[in-house]
N, C-alpha and C. Protein backbone atom coordinates (compact mmCIF):
# COMPACT_ATOMS: atom_id res chain seq x y z
N MET A 1 1.21 12.91 -29.83
CA MET A 1 1.38 11.41 -29.50
C MET A 1 2.67 11.57 -28.13
N ARG A 2 3.62 12.13 -28.33
CA ARG A 2 4.52 12.19 -27.47
C ARG A 2 3.57 12.88 -25.96
N GLU A 3 2.89 13.66 -26.47
CA GLU A 3 2.26 14.31 -25.05
C GLU A 3 1.38 13.30 -24.47
N LEU A 4 0.34 12.54 -25.25
CA LEU A 4 -0.30 11.15 -24.69
C LEU A 4 0.48 10.52 -24.02
N LEU A 5 1.72 10.33 -24.31
CA LEU A 5 2.48 9.33 -23.63
C LEU A 5 2.80 9.81 -22.44
N GLU A 6 3.74 11.05 -22.21
CA GLU A 6 3.79 11.82 -20.89
C GLU A 6 2.46 11.50 -19.90
N LEU A 7 1.18 12.22 -20.23
CA LEU A 7 0.24 11.98 -19.73
C LEU A 7 0.03 10.66 -19.35
N ILE A 8 0.10 9.29 -19.82
CA ILE A 8 -0.35 8.24 -19.74
C ILE A 8 0.97 7.64 -18.60
N ALA A 9 2.03 7.91 -18.31
CA ALA A 9 3.09 7.30 -17.79
C ALA A 9 3.05 7.36 -16.30
N GLY A 10 2.63 8.50 -15.63
CA GLY A 10 2.50 8.66 -14.15
C GLY A 10 1.17 7.98 -13.96
N PRO A 11 0.31 7.96 -14.55
CA PRO A 11 -0.89 7.35 -14.32
C PRO A 11 -0.66 5.81 -14.02
N THR A 12 -0.07 5.25 -14.86
CA THR A 12 0.47 4.10 -15.25
C THR A 12 1.35 3.69 -14.13
N VAL A 13 1.80 3.88 -13.71
CA VAL A 13 3.06 3.97 -12.72
C VAL A 13 2.33 3.66 -11.10
N GLU A 14 1.25 5.09 -11.14
CA GLU A 14 0.12 4.89 -9.78
C GLU A 14 -0.34 3.72 -9.90
N THR A 15 -1.30 3.21 -11.34
CA THR A 15 -2.04 2.20 -11.11
C THR A 15 -1.16 0.90 -10.39
N LEU A 16 0.09 0.75 -11.22
CA LEU A 16 0.53 -0.45 -10.87
C LEU A 16 1.38 -0.63 -9.05
N ALA A 17 1.06 0.74 -8.92
CA ALA A 17 1.64 0.48 -7.18
C ALA A 17 0.44 0.20 -6.52
N MET A 18 -0.53 0.71 -7.08
CA MET A 18 -1.85 0.79 -6.08
C MET A 18 -2.17 -0.80 -6.32
N VAL A 19 -2.14 -1.46 -7.19
CA VAL A 19 -2.74 -2.56 -7.22
C VAL A 19 -1.58 -3.78 -6.66
N SER A 20 -0.34 -3.17 -7.03
CA SER A 20 0.78 -4.03 -5.81
C SER A 20 0.81 -4.06 -4.89
N ALA A 21 0.50 -2.67 -3.97
CA ALA A 21 0.16 -2.88 -2.65
C ALA A 21 -1.11 -3.49 -2.05
N ALA A 22 -1.98 -3.35 -2.84
CA ALA A 22 -3.46 -3.64 -2.84
C ALA A 22 -3.55 -5.28 -2.94
N ALA A 23 -2.72 -5.97 -3.82
CA ALA A 23 -3.06 -7.40 -4.08
C ALA A 23 -2.09 -7.99 -2.86
N LEU A 24 -1.16 -7.29 -2.05
CA LEU A 24 -0.18 -7.48 -0.78
C LEU A 24 -0.92 -7.62 0.01
N ALA A 25 -1.71 -6.27 0.33
CA ALA A 25 -2.44 -6.35 1.59
C ALA A 25 -3.62 -7.51 1.56
N ALA A 26 -4.07 -7.58 0.31
CA ALA A 26 -5.23 -8.16 0.18
C ALA A 26 -4.91 -10.00 0.59
N SER A 27 -3.78 -10.33 0.00
CA SER A 27 -3.31 -11.58 0.34
C SER A 27 -3.03 -12.29 1.75
N ALA A 28 -2.35 -10.76 2.56
CA ALA A 28 -2.36 -10.63 3.80
C ALA A 28 -3.20 -10.96 4.80
N LEU A 29 -5.04 -10.47 4.44
CA LEU A 29 -5.57 -10.50 5.04
C LEU A 29 -6.40 -11.92 4.79
N GLY A 30 -6.80 -12.13 3.38
CA GLY A 30 -7.27 -12.54 2.65
C GLY A 30 -6.97 -14.60 2.71
N ALA A 31 -5.66 -14.75 2.87
CA ALA A 31 -5.12 -16.30 2.81
C ALA A 31 -5.08 -16.86 3.95
N PRO A 32 -5.04 -16.07 5.39
CA PRO A 32 -5.53 -17.18 6.27
C PRO A 32 -6.95 -17.48 6.81
N VAL A 33 -7.48 -16.43 6.01
CA VAL A 33 -9.03 -17.08 6.26
C VAL A 33 -9.27 -18.19 5.14
N GLY A 34 -8.90 -18.03 4.32
CA GLY A 34 -9.29 -19.03 3.18
C GLY A 34 -8.49 -20.02 3.72
N LEU A 35 -7.61 -20.42 4.00
CA LEU A 35 -6.66 -21.56 5.10
C LEU A 35 -7.99 -22.08 5.77
N LEU A 36 -8.37 -21.15 7.07
CA LEU A 36 -9.46 -21.70 7.94
C LEU A 36 -10.16 -22.13 7.38
N LEU A 37 -11.02 -21.53 6.63
CA LEU A 37 -12.52 -22.00 5.84
C LEU A 37 -12.14 -23.69 5.50
N TYR A 38 -10.76 -23.79 4.78
CA TYR A 38 -10.43 -24.88 4.27
C TYR A 38 -10.44 -25.92 5.77
N LEU A 39 -9.83 -25.44 6.88
CA LEU A 39 -9.63 -26.37 7.74
C LEU A 39 -10.62 -26.90 8.40
N ILE A 40 -11.73 -25.57 8.96
CA ILE A 40 -13.06 -25.87 9.62
C ILE A 40 -14.30 -26.53 9.10
N ALA A 41 -14.10 -26.62 7.67
CA ALA A 41 -15.21 -27.20 7.27
C ALA A 41 -15.34 -28.36 7.38
N PRO A 42 -16.40 -29.04 7.18
CA PRO A 42 -16.83 -30.84 6.88
C PRO A 42 -15.89 -31.53 6.73
N GLY A 43 -15.42 -32.12 7.38
CA GLY A 43 -14.40 -33.23 7.05
C GLY A 43 -12.85 -32.91 6.94
N GLY A 44 -12.90 -31.35 7.07
CA GLY A 44 -11.73 -30.72 7.51
C GLY A 44 -10.65 -31.54 8.56
N LEU A 45 -9.88 -30.42 8.73
CA LEU A 45 -9.00 -31.00 9.75
C LEU A 45 -9.29 -30.36 11.22
N ALA A 46 -9.98 -29.76 10.98
CA ALA A 46 -10.43 -28.78 12.59
C ALA A 46 -11.64 -28.53 12.29
N GLU A 47 -12.58 -29.04 12.49
CA GLU A 47 -14.04 -29.16 12.25
C GLU A 47 -14.84 -28.33 12.97
N ARG A 48 -15.28 -27.11 12.74
CA ARG A 48 -16.14 -25.90 13.39
C ARG A 48 -16.89 -25.53 12.54
N PRO A 49 -18.42 -26.17 12.32
CA PRO A 49 -19.52 -25.58 11.89
C PRO A 49 -19.67 -24.68 11.87
N ALA A 50 -20.20 -23.79 12.99
CA ALA A 50 -20.92 -22.81 13.45
C ALA A 50 -19.74 -22.14 13.41
N LEU A 51 -18.48 -21.59 13.54
CA LEU A 51 -17.61 -20.47 13.03
C LEU A 51 -17.35 -20.90 11.23
N ARG A 52 -17.55 -21.44 11.20
CA ARG A 52 -17.67 -21.66 9.02
C ARG A 52 -18.62 -21.02 8.57
N ARG A 53 -19.80 -20.98 9.01
CA ARG A 53 -21.29 -20.53 8.63
C ARG A 53 -21.06 -18.84 8.78
N VAL A 54 -20.17 -18.60 9.83
CA VAL A 54 -20.41 -17.06 10.25
C VAL A 54 -19.30 -16.58 9.06
N LEU A 55 -18.32 -16.98 8.84
CA LEU A 55 -17.25 -16.40 8.30
C LEU A 55 -18.09 -16.47 6.34
N ASP A 56 -18.36 -17.71 6.37
CA ASP A 56 -18.76 -18.01 5.35
C ASP A 56 -20.00 -16.83 4.52
N ARG A 57 -20.55 -16.46 5.56
CA ARG A 57 -21.79 -15.51 5.20
C ARG A 57 -21.12 -14.24 4.98
N LEU A 58 -20.32 -13.80 6.11
CA LEU A 58 -19.40 -12.45 5.95
C LEU A 58 -18.38 -12.51 4.49
N ILE A 59 -17.74 -13.38 4.14
CA ILE A 59 -16.79 -13.56 3.14
C ILE A 59 -18.37 -13.00 1.93
N ASN A 60 -19.42 -13.61 2.04
CA ASN A 60 -20.32 -13.65 1.00
C ASN A 60 -20.58 -12.11 0.66
N ALA A 61 -21.13 -11.58 2.11
CA ALA A 61 -21.49 -10.39 1.97
C ALA A 61 -20.96 -9.26 1.31
N LEU A 62 -19.52 -9.26 2.13
CA LEU A 62 -18.57 -8.48 1.42
C LEU A 62 -18.02 -8.56 -0.34
N ARG A 63 -18.08 -9.45 -0.76
CA ARG A 63 -17.95 -10.25 -2.26
C ARG A 63 -19.15 -9.53 -2.79
N SER A 64 -20.14 -9.41 -2.36
CA SER A 64 -21.32 -9.13 -3.39
C SER A 64 -21.33 -7.37 -3.35
N PHE A 65 -20.41 -6.80 -2.13
CA PHE A 65 -20.78 -4.96 -1.86
C PHE A 65 -20.08 -4.27 -2.84
N PRO A 66 -20.93 -3.37 -3.37
CA PRO A 66 -20.54 -2.52 -5.02
C PRO A 66 -19.06 -2.13 -4.50
N PHE A 67 -18.50 -2.19 -5.13
CA PHE A 67 -16.78 -1.60 -4.77
C PHE A 67 -17.14 -0.13 -4.58
N ILE A 68 -17.72 1.00 -5.61
CA ILE A 68 -17.61 2.31 -5.09
C ILE A 68 -18.28 2.81 -3.87
N ILE A 69 -19.72 2.15 -3.48
CA ILE A 69 -20.33 2.13 -2.50
C ILE A 69 -19.24 2.28 -1.02
N LEU A 70 -18.66 0.36 -1.21
CA LEU A 70 -17.56 0.38 -0.54
C LEU A 70 -16.20 1.48 -0.12
N MET A 71 -15.76 2.01 -1.16
CA MET A 71 -14.58 2.79 -0.97
C MET A 71 -14.93 3.67 -0.20
N ILE A 72 -16.23 4.57 -0.65
CA ILE A 72 -16.80 5.78 0.11
C ILE A 72 -17.17 5.56 1.49
N MET A 73 -17.66 4.19 1.85
CA MET A 73 -17.92 3.97 3.21
C MET A 73 -16.36 4.17 4.00
N LEU A 74 -15.16 3.26 3.14
CA LEU A 74 -14.29 3.04 4.13
C LEU A 74 -13.23 4.64 3.62
N PHE A 75 -13.91 5.58 3.51
CA PHE A 75 -12.95 7.27 3.48
C PHE A 75 -12.28 7.32 4.79
N PRO A 76 -13.58 7.05 5.61
CA PRO A 76 -12.27 7.36 7.65
C PRO A 76 -11.44 6.37 7.78
N LEU A 77 -11.69 5.01 7.11
CA LEU A 77 -10.61 4.03 7.33
C LEU A 77 -9.08 4.59 6.58
N SER A 78 -9.48 4.96 5.39
CA SER A 78 -8.77 5.46 4.39
C SER A 78 -7.51 6.39 5.23
N ARG A 79 -8.54 7.45 6.02
CA ARG A 79 -7.76 8.48 5.97
C ARG A 79 -7.57 8.14 7.48
N LEU A 80 -7.58 7.41 8.26
CA LEU A 80 -6.89 6.95 9.51
C LEU A 80 -6.12 6.58 9.06
N VAL A 81 -6.14 5.24 8.71
CA VAL A 81 -4.45 4.68 7.71
C VAL A 81 -3.47 5.28 7.14
N VAL A 82 -4.12 6.49 6.40
CA VAL A 82 -2.84 6.72 5.11
C VAL A 82 -2.36 8.44 5.42
N GLY A 83 -4.09 9.02 6.16
CA GLY A 83 -3.67 10.36 6.46
C GLY A 83 -4.53 10.99 5.48
N THR A 84 -5.37 10.49 4.99
CA THR A 84 -5.55 11.52 3.68
C THR A 84 -6.92 10.25 2.85
N SER A 85 -7.99 10.60 2.01
CA SER A 85 -9.11 9.46 1.72
C SER A 85 -8.92 10.01 -0.11
N ILE A 86 -8.42 10.88 -0.78
CA ILE A 86 -7.91 11.14 -1.82
C ILE A 86 -6.80 10.17 -2.45
N GLY A 87 -6.48 10.15 -3.52
CA GLY A 87 -5.32 9.80 -4.13
C GLY A 87 -5.01 8.21 -3.81
N THR A 88 -3.60 7.94 -4.90
CA THR A 88 -3.29 6.64 -5.22
C THR A 88 -3.16 5.22 -3.23
N ALA A 89 -2.60 6.55 -2.62
CA ALA A 89 -2.56 5.41 -1.42
C ALA A 89 -3.43 5.25 -0.67
N ALA A 90 -4.72 6.41 -0.09
CA ALA A 90 -6.14 6.05 0.05
C ALA A 90 -6.54 5.12 -0.47
N ALA A 91 -6.33 5.04 -1.67
CA ALA A 91 -7.40 3.83 -2.80
C ALA A 91 -6.56 2.53 -2.49
N VAL A 92 -5.44 2.33 -1.80
CA VAL A 92 -5.32 1.01 -1.62
C VAL A 92 -6.33 0.16 -0.10
N VAL A 93 -6.77 1.00 0.54
CA VAL A 93 -6.71 0.35 1.72
C VAL A 93 -8.62 -0.10 1.27
N PRO A 94 -9.49 0.45 0.57
CA PRO A 94 -10.70 -0.16 0.06
C PRO A 94 -10.52 -1.31 -1.10
N LEU A 95 -9.28 -0.97 -2.02
CA LEU A 95 -8.60 -2.07 -2.63
C LEU A 95 -8.42 -3.24 -1.75
N ALA A 96 -8.01 -3.42 -0.92
CA ALA A 96 -7.48 -4.62 -0.23
C ALA A 96 -8.32 -5.16 0.27
N ILE A 97 -9.62 -4.33 0.97
CA ILE A 97 -10.45 -5.26 1.54
C ILE A 97 -11.37 -5.61 0.47
N ALA A 98 -11.58 -4.78 -0.57
CA ALA A 98 -12.67 -5.29 -1.26
C ALA A 98 -12.37 -6.61 -1.98
N ALA A 99 -10.83 -7.02 -2.29
CA ALA A 99 -10.30 -7.84 -2.79
C ALA A 99 -9.96 -9.40 -1.97
N ALA A 100 -9.97 -8.99 -0.55
CA ALA A 100 -9.19 -9.99 0.55
C ALA A 100 -10.71 -11.20 0.49
N PRO A 101 -11.99 -11.38 0.19
CA PRO A 101 -12.92 -12.06 0.57
C PRO A 101 -12.78 -12.86 -1.15
N PHE A 102 -12.15 -12.29 -1.93
CA PHE A 102 -12.03 -12.90 -3.15
C PHE A 102 -10.91 -13.80 -3.09
N VAL A 103 -9.76 -13.33 -2.58
CA VAL A 103 -8.33 -14.26 -2.17
C VAL A 103 -8.98 -15.32 -0.99
N ALA A 104 -9.48 -15.08 -0.33
CA ALA A 104 -10.22 -16.31 0.80
C ALA A 104 -10.58 -17.27 -0.16
N ARG A 105 -11.64 -17.29 -1.09
CA ARG A 105 -12.22 -17.97 -1.80
C ARG A 105 -11.35 -18.58 -2.98
N VAL A 106 -10.47 -17.96 -3.39
CA VAL A 106 -9.25 -18.49 -4.03
C VAL A 106 -8.65 -19.75 -3.70
N VAL A 107 -8.19 -19.30 -2.20
CA VAL A 107 -7.12 -20.21 -1.33
C VAL A 107 -8.40 -21.34 -0.92
N GLU A 108 -9.39 -20.96 -0.68
CA GLU A 108 -10.10 -21.97 -0.07
C GLU A 108 -10.56 -23.30 -1.40
N SER A 109 -10.69 -22.66 -2.10
CA SER A 109 -11.09 -23.56 -3.36
C SER A 109 -9.76 -24.36 -4.09
N SER A 110 -8.75 -23.63 -3.97
CA SER A 110 -7.51 -24.21 -4.41
C SER A 110 -6.69 -25.40 -3.54
N LEU A 111 -6.89 -25.21 -2.38
CA LEU A 111 -6.81 -26.25 -1.26
C LEU A 111 -8.12 -27.53 -1.15
N ALA A 112 -9.08 -27.44 -1.91
CA ALA A 112 -10.14 -27.94 -1.55
C ALA A 112 -9.52 -28.93 -2.92
N GLY A 113 -9.03 -28.34 -3.85
CA GLY A 113 -8.42 -29.15 -5.06
C GLY A 113 -7.71 -30.22 -4.84
N VAL A 114 -6.72 -29.87 -3.69
CA VAL A 114 -5.57 -31.19 -3.26
C VAL A 114 -6.24 -32.71 -3.15
N ASP A 115 -5.58 -33.30 -3.56
CA ASP A 115 -6.11 -34.73 -3.66
C ASP A 115 -6.34 -35.36 -2.36
N ARG A 116 -7.09 -35.81 -1.75
CA ARG A 116 -7.35 -36.13 -0.37
C ARG A 116 -6.68 -37.13 0.18
N GLY A 117 -5.90 -37.82 -0.86
CA GLY A 117 -4.98 -39.26 -0.31
C GLY A 117 -4.19 -38.19 0.08
N VAL A 118 -3.24 -37.54 -0.26
CA VAL A 118 -2.29 -36.60 0.17
C VAL A 118 -2.19 -36.20 1.70
N VAL A 119 -3.28 -35.58 1.82
CA VAL A 119 -3.57 -35.11 3.51
C VAL A 119 -3.76 -36.49 4.11
N ASP A 120 -4.44 -37.44 3.86
CA ASP A 120 -4.65 -38.47 4.46
C ASP A 120 -3.53 -39.16 4.77
N ALA A 121 -2.33 -39.52 4.01
CA ALA A 121 -1.18 -40.19 3.96
C ALA A 121 -0.27 -39.33 5.13
N ALA A 122 -0.76 -38.18 4.79
CA ALA A 122 0.27 -36.97 6.04
C ALA A 122 -0.26 -37.20 7.16
N VAL A 123 -1.68 -37.32 7.61
CA VAL A 123 -2.39 -37.53 8.44
C VAL A 123 -1.67 -38.62 9.56
N ALA A 124 -1.95 -40.18 8.66
CA ALA A 124 -1.45 -41.65 9.10
C ALA A 124 0.26 -41.32 9.30
N ALA A 125 0.92 -40.56 8.63
CA ALA A 125 2.15 -40.62 9.14
C ALA A 125 2.20 -39.80 10.59
N GLY A 126 1.47 -39.22 11.14
CA GLY A 126 1.49 -38.37 12.64
C GLY A 126 1.60 -36.67 11.85
N ALA A 127 1.78 -35.84 10.51
CA ALA A 127 2.64 -34.76 10.82
C ALA A 127 1.13 -34.07 11.34
N THR A 128 1.68 -32.83 12.12
CA THR A 128 0.73 -31.79 13.04
C THR A 128 -0.13 -30.93 11.69
N LYS A 129 -0.92 -30.63 12.51
CA LYS A 129 -2.24 -29.93 11.38
C LYS A 129 -1.05 -28.69 10.89
N ALA A 130 -0.23 -27.86 11.53
CA ALA A 130 0.41 -27.11 10.92
C ALA A 130 1.27 -27.54 9.96
N ARG A 131 1.58 -28.30 10.44
CA ARG A 131 3.08 -29.18 9.20
C ARG A 131 2.01 -29.28 7.53
N ILE A 132 0.90 -30.43 8.11
CA ILE A 132 0.15 -30.67 6.87
C ILE A 132 -0.58 -29.51 6.20
N ALA A 133 -0.72 -28.12 6.64
CA ALA A 133 -1.13 -27.02 6.09
C ALA A 133 -0.01 -26.38 5.52
N PHE A 134 1.20 -26.16 6.10
CA PHE A 134 1.93 -25.74 5.24
C PHE A 134 3.04 -26.22 4.64
N GLY A 135 3.44 -27.24 5.01
CA GLY A 135 4.20 -28.47 3.85
C GLY A 135 3.69 -29.45 3.18
N VAL A 136 2.06 -29.50 3.10
CA VAL A 136 1.53 -30.32 2.24
C VAL A 136 0.31 -29.41 1.20
N LEU A 137 -0.31 -29.07 2.14
CA LEU A 137 -1.49 -28.78 1.34
C LEU A 137 -0.94 -26.98 0.39
N LEU A 138 -0.57 -26.68 1.00
CA LEU A 138 -0.13 -24.96 0.07
C LEU A 138 1.23 -25.56 -0.87
N PRO A 139 1.97 -26.23 -0.57
CA PRO A 139 2.59 -26.79 -1.72
C PRO A 139 1.81 -27.33 -3.17
N GLU A 140 1.18 -28.32 -2.71
CA GLU A 140 0.65 -28.98 -3.66
C GLU A 140 -0.43 -27.98 -4.57
N ALA A 141 -1.06 -27.32 -3.72
CA ALA A 141 -2.40 -26.19 -4.32
C ALA A 141 -1.55 -25.09 -5.15
N LEU A 142 -0.33 -24.82 -5.17
CA LEU A 142 0.68 -23.54 -5.50
C LEU A 142 -0.23 -23.33 -7.18
N PRO A 143 0.22 -24.04 -7.87
CA PRO A 143 0.00 -23.92 -9.17
C PRO A 143 -1.51 -23.10 -9.38
N SER A 144 -2.61 -23.92 -8.80
CA SER A 144 -3.91 -23.15 -8.39
C SER A 144 -3.93 -21.66 -7.98
N LEU A 145 -3.24 -21.57 -6.95
CA LEU A 145 -3.25 -20.68 -6.03
C LEU A 145 -2.51 -19.16 -6.74
N VAL A 146 -1.28 -19.64 -7.72
CA VAL A 146 -0.84 -18.44 -8.55
C VAL A 146 -2.07 -18.02 -9.27
N SER A 147 -2.74 -19.15 -10.14
CA SER A 147 -4.02 -18.49 -11.23
C SER A 147 -4.66 -17.66 -10.48
N GLY A 148 -5.09 -18.03 -9.37
CA GLY A 148 -6.08 -17.84 -8.62
C GLY A 148 -5.41 -15.83 -7.79
N LEU A 149 -4.68 -15.90 -7.81
CA LEU A 149 -3.40 -14.67 -7.60
C LEU A 149 -3.91 -13.67 -8.86
N ALA A 150 -3.42 -14.23 -9.83
CA ALA A 150 -3.48 -13.36 -11.34
C ALA A 150 -4.85 -13.38 -11.39
N LEU A 151 -5.96 -13.71 -11.31
CA LEU A 151 -7.25 -13.57 -11.49
C LEU A 151 -7.84 -12.04 -10.54
N THR A 152 -7.07 -12.29 -9.37
CA THR A 152 -7.28 -11.27 -8.16
C THR A 152 -6.25 -9.95 -9.00
N VAL A 153 -5.51 -10.31 -9.10
CA VAL A 153 -4.68 -8.67 -9.54
C VAL A 153 -5.62 -8.30 -10.70
N ILE A 154 -6.12 -9.09 -11.69
CA ILE A 154 -6.97 -8.51 -12.32
C ILE A 154 -8.15 -7.77 -12.17
N ASN A 155 -8.81 -8.79 -11.00
CA ASN A 155 -10.08 -7.78 -10.55
C ASN A 155 -9.47 -6.31 -9.98
N LEU A 156 -8.55 -6.54 -9.25
CA LEU A 156 -7.73 -5.26 -8.65
C LEU A 156 -7.47 -4.12 -9.63
N ILE A 157 -7.19 -4.48 -11.03
CA ILE A 157 -6.99 -3.36 -11.88
C ILE A 157 -8.32 -2.76 -12.58
N GLY A 158 -9.33 -3.69 -12.55
CA GLY A 158 -10.52 -3.19 -12.99
C GLY A 158 -11.12 -2.53 -11.43
N TYR A 159 -11.25 -2.34 -10.52
CA TYR A 159 -11.35 -1.66 -9.52
C TYR A 159 -10.32 -0.52 -9.53
N SER A 160 -9.88 -0.47 -9.41
CA SER A 160 -8.44 0.43 -9.30
C SER A 160 -8.78 1.70 -10.45
N ALA A 161 -9.74 0.98 -11.62
CA ALA A 161 -10.02 2.06 -12.68
C ALA A 161 -11.24 2.75 -12.20
N MET A 162 -12.18 2.06 -11.21
CA MET A 162 -13.15 2.31 -10.73
C MET A 162 -12.59 3.71 -9.32
N ALA A 163 -11.85 3.00 -8.60
CA ALA A 163 -11.59 4.24 -8.14
C ALA A 163 -10.80 5.41 -8.36
N GLY A 164 -10.28 5.52 -9.35
CA GLY A 164 -9.94 6.78 -10.23
C GLY A 164 -11.32 7.41 -10.45
N ALA A 165 -12.16 6.94 -10.08
CA ALA A 165 -13.60 8.17 -10.59
C ALA A 165 -14.05 9.19 -9.64
N ILE A 166 -13.33 8.51 -8.51
CA ILE A 166 -13.87 9.31 -7.11
C ILE A 166 -12.72 9.66 -6.47
N GLY A 167 -11.44 9.68 -7.01
CA GLY A 167 -10.31 10.37 -6.20
C GLY A 167 -9.03 9.53 -6.31
N GLY A 168 -9.18 8.11 -6.69
CA GLY A 168 -8.31 7.60 -6.48
C GLY A 168 -6.95 7.58 -7.26
N GLY A 169 -6.57 8.06 -7.85
CA GLY A 169 -5.42 8.38 -9.04
C GLY A 169 -5.60 7.17 -9.74
N GLY A 170 -4.60 7.02 -10.72
CA GLY A 170 -4.13 6.11 -11.49
C GLY A 170 -4.73 6.38 -12.99
N LEU A 171 -5.03 5.27 -13.57
CA LEU A 171 -5.65 5.61 -14.76
C LEU A 171 -7.35 5.52 -15.18
N GLY A 172 -7.83 5.35 -13.86
CA GLY A 172 -9.35 5.84 -14.03
C GLY A 172 -9.72 7.07 -13.86
N ASP A 173 -8.42 7.86 -12.97
CA ASP A 173 -8.56 9.54 -12.76
C ASP A 173 -8.23 9.73 -13.96
N LEU A 174 -7.24 9.47 -14.81
CA LEU A 174 -6.91 10.13 -16.17
C LEU A 174 -7.89 10.18 -17.15
N ALA A 175 -8.62 8.68 -17.04
CA ALA A 175 -9.48 8.70 -17.94
C ALA A 175 -11.03 9.42 -17.89
N VAL A 176 -11.50 9.74 -16.53
CA VAL A 176 -12.49 10.60 -16.13
C VAL A 176 -12.18 12.36 -16.29
N ARG A 177 -10.78 12.69 -16.22
CA ARG A 177 -10.23 13.82 -15.59
C ARG A 177 -10.12 14.55 -17.18
N TYR A 178 -9.36 13.79 -17.61
CA TYR A 178 -8.44 14.48 -19.09
C TYR A 178 -9.26 13.87 -20.42
N GLY A 179 -9.63 13.04 -20.07
CA GLY A 179 -10.40 12.04 -21.05
C GLY A 179 -12.00 12.58 -21.22
N TYR A 180 -12.80 12.53 -20.14
CA TYR A 180 -14.40 12.64 -20.26
C TYR A 180 -14.67 13.97 -19.77
N HIS A 181 -14.12 14.56 -18.93
CA HIS A 181 -14.22 15.56 -18.77
C HIS A 181 -13.77 16.91 -20.18
N ARG A 182 -12.57 16.73 -20.03
CA ARG A 182 -12.23 17.75 -21.35
C ARG A 182 -12.61 16.73 -22.60
N PHE A 183 -13.11 16.07 -23.19
CA PHE A 183 -13.56 15.96 -24.17
C PHE A 183 -12.26 14.89 -25.14
N ARG A 184 -11.14 14.34 -24.39
CA ARG A 184 -10.48 13.81 -24.75
C ARG A 184 -10.15 12.84 -25.49
N LEU A 185 -11.16 12.03 -26.40
CA LEU A 185 -11.23 10.53 -26.78
C LEU A 185 -10.03 9.86 -26.67
N ASP A 186 -8.53 10.66 -27.14
CA ASP A 186 -7.70 9.93 -27.42
C ASP A 186 -6.74 9.29 -25.73
N VAL A 187 -7.15 10.48 -25.23
CA VAL A 187 -6.64 10.02 -23.58
C VAL A 187 -7.79 8.83 -22.88
N MET A 188 -8.99 8.87 -23.40
CA MET A 188 -9.84 7.75 -22.98
C MET A 188 -9.60 6.46 -23.45
N ALA A 189 -9.50 6.55 -24.73
CA ALA A 189 -8.77 5.21 -25.66
C ALA A 189 -7.39 4.75 -25.32
N ALA A 190 -6.41 5.52 -24.71
CA ALA A 190 -5.45 5.34 -24.44
C ALA A 190 -5.17 4.67 -23.06
N SER A 191 -5.86 4.80 -22.21
CA SER A 191 -6.48 4.75 -20.75
C SER A 191 -6.85 3.10 -20.95
N VAL A 192 -7.75 3.24 -22.09
CA VAL A 192 -8.27 1.44 -22.29
C VAL A 192 -7.19 0.46 -22.30
N VAL A 193 -6.43 0.97 -23.74
CA VAL A 193 -5.43 0.11 -24.28
C VAL A 193 -4.78 -0.24 -23.02
N VAL A 194 -3.82 0.94 -22.14
CA VAL A 194 -2.98 0.50 -21.25
C VAL A 194 -3.56 -0.51 -20.23
N ILE A 195 -4.99 -0.14 -19.66
CA ILE A 195 -5.60 -1.21 -18.81
C ILE A 195 -5.35 -2.61 -19.58
N LEU A 196 -6.01 -2.66 -20.45
CA LEU A 196 -6.33 -4.06 -21.38
C LEU A 196 -4.89 -4.89 -21.52
N ILE A 197 -3.78 -3.96 -21.37
CA ILE A 197 -2.47 -4.36 -21.75
C ILE A 197 -2.08 -4.92 -20.35
N LEU A 198 -2.36 -4.49 -19.41
CA LEU A 198 -1.92 -4.76 -17.88
C LEU A 198 -2.57 -6.45 -17.44
N VAL A 199 -4.21 -6.30 -18.15
CA VAL A 199 -4.85 -7.35 -17.83
C VAL A 199 -3.88 -8.76 -18.55
N GLU A 200 -3.65 -8.32 -19.65
CA GLU A 200 -3.32 -9.29 -20.35
C GLU A 200 -1.84 -9.93 -20.13
N GLY A 201 -1.25 -8.91 -19.51
CA GLY A 201 0.07 -9.46 -19.22
C GLY A 201 0.12 -9.93 -17.74
N VAL A 202 -0.71 -9.90 -16.90
CA VAL A 202 -0.81 -10.44 -15.50
C VAL A 202 -1.29 -11.95 -15.46
N GLN A 203 -2.19 -11.95 -16.70
CA GLN A 203 -2.67 -13.32 -17.21
C GLN A 203 -1.89 -14.20 -17.83
N ALA A 204 -1.12 -13.77 -18.86
CA ALA A 204 -0.02 -14.76 -19.56
C ALA A 204 0.98 -14.94 -18.37
N ALA A 205 1.25 -13.94 -17.44
CA ALA A 205 2.33 -14.10 -16.61
C ALA A 205 2.16 -15.26 -15.40
N GLY A 206 0.75 -14.91 -15.23
CA GLY A 206 0.05 -16.03 -14.14
C GLY A 206 -0.18 -17.51 -14.71
N ASP A 207 -0.54 -17.51 -15.93
CA ASP A 207 -0.31 -19.08 -17.06
C ASP A 207 0.84 -19.45 -17.00
N ARG A 208 1.86 -18.74 -17.23
CA ARG A 208 3.41 -19.23 -17.35
C ARG A 208 3.70 -19.74 -16.41
N ILE A 209 3.81 -18.97 -14.97
CA ILE A 209 4.39 -19.34 -13.84
C ILE A 209 3.40 -20.60 -13.33
N SER A 210 2.37 -20.41 -13.54
CA SER A 210 1.71 -21.83 -13.03
C SER A 210 2.21 -23.53 -13.55
N ARG A 211 2.16 -22.91 -15.35
CA ARG A 211 2.98 -23.95 -15.95
C ARG A 211 4.41 -24.54 -15.71
N ARG A 212 4.93 -23.90 -15.34
CA ARG A 212 6.35 -23.80 -15.04
C ARG A 212 6.22 -24.42 -13.30
N ILE A 213 5.59 -24.11 -12.69
CA ILE A 213 5.21 -25.16 -11.59
C ILE A 213 4.56 -26.55 -11.68
N MET A 214 4.14 -27.06 -12.30
CA MET A 214 3.44 -27.78 -13.11
C MET A 214 4.94 -28.56 -13.85
N SER A 215 5.23 -28.31 -14.39
CA SER A 215 6.36 -29.12 -14.68
C SER A 215 7.64 -29.29 -14.35
N MET A 216 7.66 -29.02 -13.23
CA MET A 216 8.62 -29.17 -11.99
C MET A 216 8.30 -29.95 -11.08
N ARG A 217 7.16 -30.89 -10.86
CA ARG A 217 6.73 -31.88 -10.61
C ARG A 217 7.05 -33.05 -10.34
């Protein structure tokens, strides 16, 4: 048991670091796109039908792209950004790019769920588009955004396990190299259990924070 815990500890930290960094990067990439999609949608504050169609199709294409193939294609970019295409740091690049379209959709749908009357009231009061976006829309959509971010992190945990299968490090790498290749079923089982615990922990934290925000209104 002690040997198993020692084997699991390092990859668990690697997975947490990988997922955290990728979630931050994906949010930075995807959140502005999601906000833009909402603003330029039909009936939005800055309608741009042509640009909306282009972004919509691009996001749909990226979301449907198999992650393992995307990761392999992005090896050169990972090498350019972090200096290597193998390991935890290298896996952050494709993880962030894969999750960014999901974040964009989460932000867009969360903003679309805001009561239109609140937006109309802000427009009638003479608020600027920037003020409406950052002072009205985002605060109103915050509970939904938190839940969406939790789902994003959960997806990233799953992606990180796949990344481990092709040299990305973390629990996926441990399960393949030590569990599968060395016929250590206990290592494979422990890796799966830790991943499940991480997923449950993220989901519970997201639900709790979302409920806390709702109760403060």
